[in-house]
């Protein structure tokens, strides 16, 4: 039971950081927050993603590239140019590292208004904290795992952030139904009740309305992250930057 709680907890906390802070805030600026809360969620993202922490600047630039060139050869992670999810992940990794290490300069405008915290970025992207996170996950399994097969879940903990991204980008542009045919790409809505990825698999809706905070459009669709954002807005922690549909 302890392993199940730990795995599910890590999955959804890491996923929330990715969709809320990295995607909807850093890349799309769907809402604003004070410098205090920005730093809070920066650290929250580092803690919840742990060994697979994704740098907000590199993530945001790459995601903006994805929207600008969706499902074309310039898209950093379109599944239609790779024979497997693994090959797509490796290509995405290379593009991400180019941006993280500033080996390439992004096109004009792609790096505008992105949160950066140099001290955290420098520390989080060292090998030492990543290895220590991995040691911590392993120690928890050594203490609480009751079956050998449970240890097979450890690689998911090590690569949680990239795995979430791979699932969304592969499935969300290959499998599912389409609400909008005029997005200019091959985006799909994979799940009408998307609790698995907290709304991220409403890719067709999102590519139609990239700035819309609620990824669900139809009555039967549910974006679990949006009610949390509404609560945070009500508490005064965030402020939506434009009119959003409920």
Protein backbone atom coordinates (compact mmCIF):
# COMPACT_ATOMS: atom_id res chain seq x y z
CA UNK A 1 0.00 0.00 0.00
CA UNK A 2 2.83 2.39 0.83
CA UNK A 3 4.39 1.87 -2.62
CA UNK A 4 1.06 2.47 -4.36
CA UNK A 5 0.50 5.71 -2.43
CA UNK A 6 4.04 6.87 -3.12
CA UNK A 7 3.83 6.08 -6.83
CA UNK A 8 0.41 7.66 -7.36
CA UNK A 9 1.37 10.67 -5.23
CA UNK A 10 4.59 11.26 -7.17
CA UNK A 11 2.79 10.76 -10.50
CA UNK A 12 0.10 13.36 -9.87
CA UNK A 13 2.19 15.91 -7.97
CA UNK A 14 4.84 15.89 -10.70
CA UNK A 15 2.12 16.03 -13.34
CA UNK A 16 0.42 18.97 -11.65
CA UNK A 17 3.70 20.89 -11.62
CA UNK A 18 4.15 20.18 -15.29
CA UNK A 19 0.68 21.20 -16.44
CA UNK A 20 0.17 24.08 -14.00
CA UNK A 21 3.58 25.73 -13.68
CA UNK A 22 5.57 24.65 -16.71
CA UNK A 23 2.81 24.45 -19.32
CA UNK A 24 -0.02 26.81 -18.42
CA UNK A 25 2.11 29.41 -16.62
CA UNK A 26 5.65 29.35 -18.01
CA UNK A 27 4.81 28.57 -21.66
CA UNK A 28 1.39 30.16 -22.09
CA UNK A 29 1.07 32.74 -19.30
CA UNK A 30 -2.61 31.87 -18.83
CA UNK A 31 -2.38 33.54 -15.42
CA UNK A 32 -0.06 35.71 -13.37
CA UNK A 33 1.19 35.37 -9.80
CA UNK A 34 3.28 37.38 -7.39
CA UNK A 35 7.09 36.91 -7.23
CA UNK A 36 6.61 35.01 -3.94
CA UNK A 37 4.19 32.48 -5.44
CA UNK A 38 6.29 32.13 -8.58
CA UNK A 39 9.25 31.13 -6.44
CA UNK A 40 7.02 28.86 -4.35
CA UNK A 41 5.84 26.93 -7.39
CA UNK A 42 9.36 26.94 -8.86
CA UNK A 43 10.57 25.09 -5.75
CA UNK A 44 7.39 22.98 -5.68
CA UNK A 45 8.15 21.86 -9.23
CA UNK A 46 11.74 21.02 -8.32
CA UNK A 47 10.61 18.94 -5.33
CA UNK A 48 7.75 17.12 -7.03
CA UNK A 49 9.62 16.37 -10.26
CA UNK A 50 12.78 15.51 -8.37
CA UNK A 51 15.34 13.68 -10.49
CA UNK A 52 13.45 14.55 -13.69
CA UNK A 53 13.07 18.29 -13.01
CA UNK A 54 12.40 20.17 -16.23
CA UNK A 55 13.85 23.65 -16.55
CA UNK A 56 10.98 26.18 -17.00
CA UNK A 57 12.83 28.27 -19.60
CA UNK A 58 13.82 25.32 -21.79
CA UNK A 59 10.38 23.73 -21.40
CA UNK A 60 8.53 26.93 -22.29
CA UNK A 61 10.63 27.70 -25.37
CA UNK A 62 10.31 24.16 -26.67
CA UNK A 63 6.56 24.13 -26.08
CA UNK A 64 6.15 27.43 -27.91
CA UNK A 65 8.08 25.91 -30.79
CA UNK A 66 5.71 22.95 -30.69
CA UNK A 67 2.69 25.24 -31.12
CA UNK A 68 4.32 27.34 -33.82
CA UNK A 69 5.39 24.30 -35.89
CA UNK A 70 2.96 21.62 -34.71
CA UNK A 71 3.33 18.33 -36.59
CA UNK A 72 5.86 19.71 -39.06
CA UNK A 73 9.55 18.88 -39.35
CA UNK A 74 10.37 21.84 -37.08
CA UNK A 75 8.15 20.52 -34.28
CA UNK A 76 10.51 19.32 -31.51
CA UNK A 77 8.29 16.35 -30.66
CA UNK A 78 5.73 15.40 -33.28
CA UNK A 79 5.11 11.62 -33.24
CA UNK A 80 4.57 11.60 -37.00
CA UNK A 81 8.31 11.82 -37.70
CA UNK A 82 9.45 8.96 -35.45
CA UNK A 83 8.94 5.21 -35.56
CA UNK A 84 8.62 4.89 -31.78
CA UNK A 85 7.92 6.92 -28.67
CA UNK A 86 11.48 6.21 -27.50
CA UNK A 87 13.01 7.78 -30.64
CA UNK A 88 10.77 10.81 -30.20
CA UNK A 89 11.88 11.12 -26.56
CA UNK A 90 15.55 10.98 -27.54
CA UNK A 91 15.07 13.71 -30.14
CA UNK A 92 13.14 15.82 -27.64
CA UNK A 93 15.93 15.34 -25.10
CA UNK A 94 18.51 16.67 -27.57
CA UNK A 95 16.41 19.73 -28.39
CA UNK A 96 15.76 20.33 -24.68
CA UNK A 97 19.47 20.13 -23.79
CA UNK A 98 20.35 22.55 -26.60
CA UNK A 99 18.01 25.09 -25.00
CA UNK A 100 18.94 24.28 -21.41
CA UNK A 101 22.68 24.63 -22.06
CA UNK A 102 22.08 27.58 -24.42
CA UNK A 103 23.87 25.85 -27.29
CA UNK A 104 21.28 27.33 -29.63
CA UNK A 105 19.41 30.61 -29.54
CA UNK A 106 15.61 30.41 -29.77
CA UNK A 107 13.77 32.31 -32.44
CA UNK A 108 12.73 35.84 -31.56
CA UNK A 109 9.84 35.95 -29.10
CA UNK A 110 10.01 32.33 -28.00
CA UNK A 111 11.98 33.23 -24.85
CA UNK A 112 9.87 36.24 -23.86
CA UNK A 113 8.39 36.55 -20.36
CA UNK A 114 9.56 33.21 -18.98
CA UNK A 115 10.29 32.60 -15.26
CA UNK A 116 13.94 32.04 -14.44
CA UNK A 117 15.68 31.42 -11.14
CA UNK A 118 19.38 31.02 -11.84
CA UNK A 119 20.37 29.53 -8.47
CA UNK A 120 17.70 26.83 -8.54
CA UNK A 121 18.27 26.11 -12.23
CA UNK A 122 22.01 25.68 -11.73
CA UNK A 123 21.57 23.41 -8.69
CA UNK A 124 18.65 21.38 -10.04
CA UNK A 125 20.45 20.53 -13.26
CA UNK A 126 23.58 19.21 -11.58
CA UNK A 127 24.05 15.46 -11.46
CA UNK A 128 24.37 15.40 -7.66
CA UNK A 129 20.79 16.35 -6.74
CA UNK A 130 19.38 14.14 -9.51
CA UNK A 131 21.32 11.15 -8.20
CA UNK A 132 20.30 11.94 -4.62
CA UNK A 133 16.64 12.04 -5.65
CA UNK A 134 17.12 8.63 -7.26
CA UNK A 135 18.78 7.28 -4.12
CA UNK A 136 15.85 8.59 -2.08
CA UNK A 137 13.28 6.87 -4.29
CA UNK A 138 15.25 3.63 -4.15
CA UNK A 139 15.59 3.80 -0.36
CA UNK A 140 11.82 4.20 -0.02
CA UNK A 141 11.29 1.07 -2.12
CA UNK A 142 13.88 -0.88 -0.13
CA UNK A 143 12.04 0.08 3.05
CA UNK A 144 8.47 -0.54 1.90
CA UNK A 145 8.38 -2.78 -1.18
CA UNK A 146 6.84 -6.18 -0.45
CA UNK A 147 7.33 -7.78 -3.89
CA UNK A 148 10.30 -7.78 -6.25
CA UNK A 149 8.27 -6.52 -9.20
CA UNK A 150 7.57 -3.25 -7.40
CA UNK A 151 11.14 -2.20 -8.09
CA UNK A 152 10.26 -2.15 -11.79
CA UNK A 153 8.41 1.10 -11.09
CA UNK A 154 11.61 2.89 -10.09
CA UNK A 155 12.60 3.95 -13.64
CA UNK A 156 9.27 5.77 -13.89
CA UNK A 157 10.16 7.79 -10.79
CA UNK A 158 13.60 8.59 -12.22
CA UNK A 159 12.14 9.91 -15.52
CA UNK A 160 8.70 11.06 -14.42
CA UNK A 161 8.66 14.45 -16.19
CA UNK A 162 9.88 13.23 -19.60
CA UNK A 163 7.52 10.24 -19.41
CA UNK A 164 4.54 12.54 -18.88
CA UNK A 165 5.63 14.64 -21.84
CA UNK A 166 6.13 11.59 -24.06
CA UNK A 167 2.66 10.21 -23.28
CA UNK A 168 0.98 13.54 -24.01
CA UNK A 169 2.89 14.32 -27.20
CA UNK A 170 2.67 10.81 -28.65
CA UNK A 171 -0.92 9.94 -27.77
CA UNK A 172 -2.27 13.49 -28.08
CA UNK A 173 -1.20 13.74 -31.70
CA UNK A 174 -2.04 10.19 -32.80
CA UNK A 175 -5.01 8.70 -30.96
CA UNK A 176 -8.49 9.94 -30.10
CA UNK A 177 -11.25 12.14 -31.42
CA UNK A 178 -11.27 15.62 -32.94
CA UNK A 179 -13.51 18.53 -31.95
CA UNK A 180 -11.79 21.05 -34.24
CA UNK A 181 -10.47 20.24 -37.71
CA UNK A 182 -9.02 23.69 -38.38
CA UNK A 183 -6.05 23.58 -35.99
CA UNK A 184 -3.55 23.08 -38.80
CA UNK A 185 -2.09 19.96 -37.20
CA UNK A 186 -2.95 16.37 -36.25
CA UNK A 187 -3.80 16.96 -32.59
CA UNK A 188 -6.35 14.68 -30.93
CA UNK A 189 -8.30 14.46 -27.68
CA UNK A 190 -7.30 11.06 -26.33
CA UNK A 191 -9.53 10.90 -23.25
CA UNK A 192 -12.88 12.63 -22.61
CA UNK A 193 -12.35 12.21 -18.84
CA UNK A 194 -8.66 12.94 -18.58
CA UNK A 195 -7.66 12.26 -14.97
CA UNK A 196 -4.59 10.31 -16.08
CA UNK A 197 -2.73 13.40 -17.30
CA UNK A 198 -4.78 16.11 -15.53
CA UNK A 199 -6.26 17.47 -18.76
CA UNK A 200 -3.13 17.40 -20.91
CA UNK A 201 -4.61 14.88 -23.34
CA UNK A 202 -7.16 17.39 -24.61
CA UNK A 203 -4.56 18.30 -27.22
CA UNK A 204 -7.00 19.11 -30.03
CA UNK A 205 -8.90 21.54 -27.79
CA UNK A 206 -5.65 23.08 -26.58
CA UNK A 207 -4.27 23.58 -30.07
CA UNK A 208 -7.50 25.26 -31.10
CA UNK A 209 -7.44 27.58 -28.07
CA UNK A 210 -3.82 27.70 -26.82
CA UNK A 211 -4.50 30.46 -24.26
CA UNK A 212 -7.67 28.95 -22.81
CA UNK A 213 -7.14 27.89 -19.19
CA UNK A 214 -9.82 25.19 -19.30
CA UNK A 215 -8.67 22.47 -21.70
CA UNK A 216 -12.12 20.85 -21.70
CA UNK A 217 -14.62 22.21 -24.25
CA UNK A 218 -17.56 19.83 -24.51
CA UNK A 219 -19.98 18.99 -21.68
CA UNK A 220 -18.66 15.45 -21.20
CA UNK A 221 -15.00 16.56 -21.06
CA UNK A 222 -13.32 17.14 -17.70
CA UNK A 223 -10.05 19.00 -17.13
CA UNK A 224 -9.14 18.25 -13.47
CA UNK A 225 -6.52 21.01 -13.29
CA UNK A 226 -8.93 23.82 -14.12
CA UNK A 227 -10.99 23.67 -10.87
CA UNK A 228 -7.72 23.82 -8.92
CA UNK A 229 -6.77 26.93 -10.88
CA UNK A 230 -10.18 28.45 -10.14
CA UNK A 231 -9.62 27.79 -6.43
CA UNK A 232 -6.16 29.35 -6.55
CA UNK A 233 -7.68 32.35 -8.32
CA UNK A 234 -10.38 32.65 -5.66
CA UNK A 235 -7.67 32.54 -2.97
CA UNK A 236 -5.81 35.34 -4.73
CA UNK A 237 -2.75 33.21 -5.50
CA UNK A 238 -3.12 33.51 -9.27
CA UNK A 239 -4.97 35.89 -11.57
CA UNK A 240 -6.19 34.80 -14.97
CA UNK A 241 -4.77 36.98 -17.73
CA UNK A 242 -7.80 36.79 -20.02
CA UNK A 243 -11.44 35.78 -20.05
CA UNK A 244 -11.72 32.02 -19.60
CA UNK A 245 -14.66 29.74 -20.14
CA UNK A 246 -15.84 27.74 -17.15
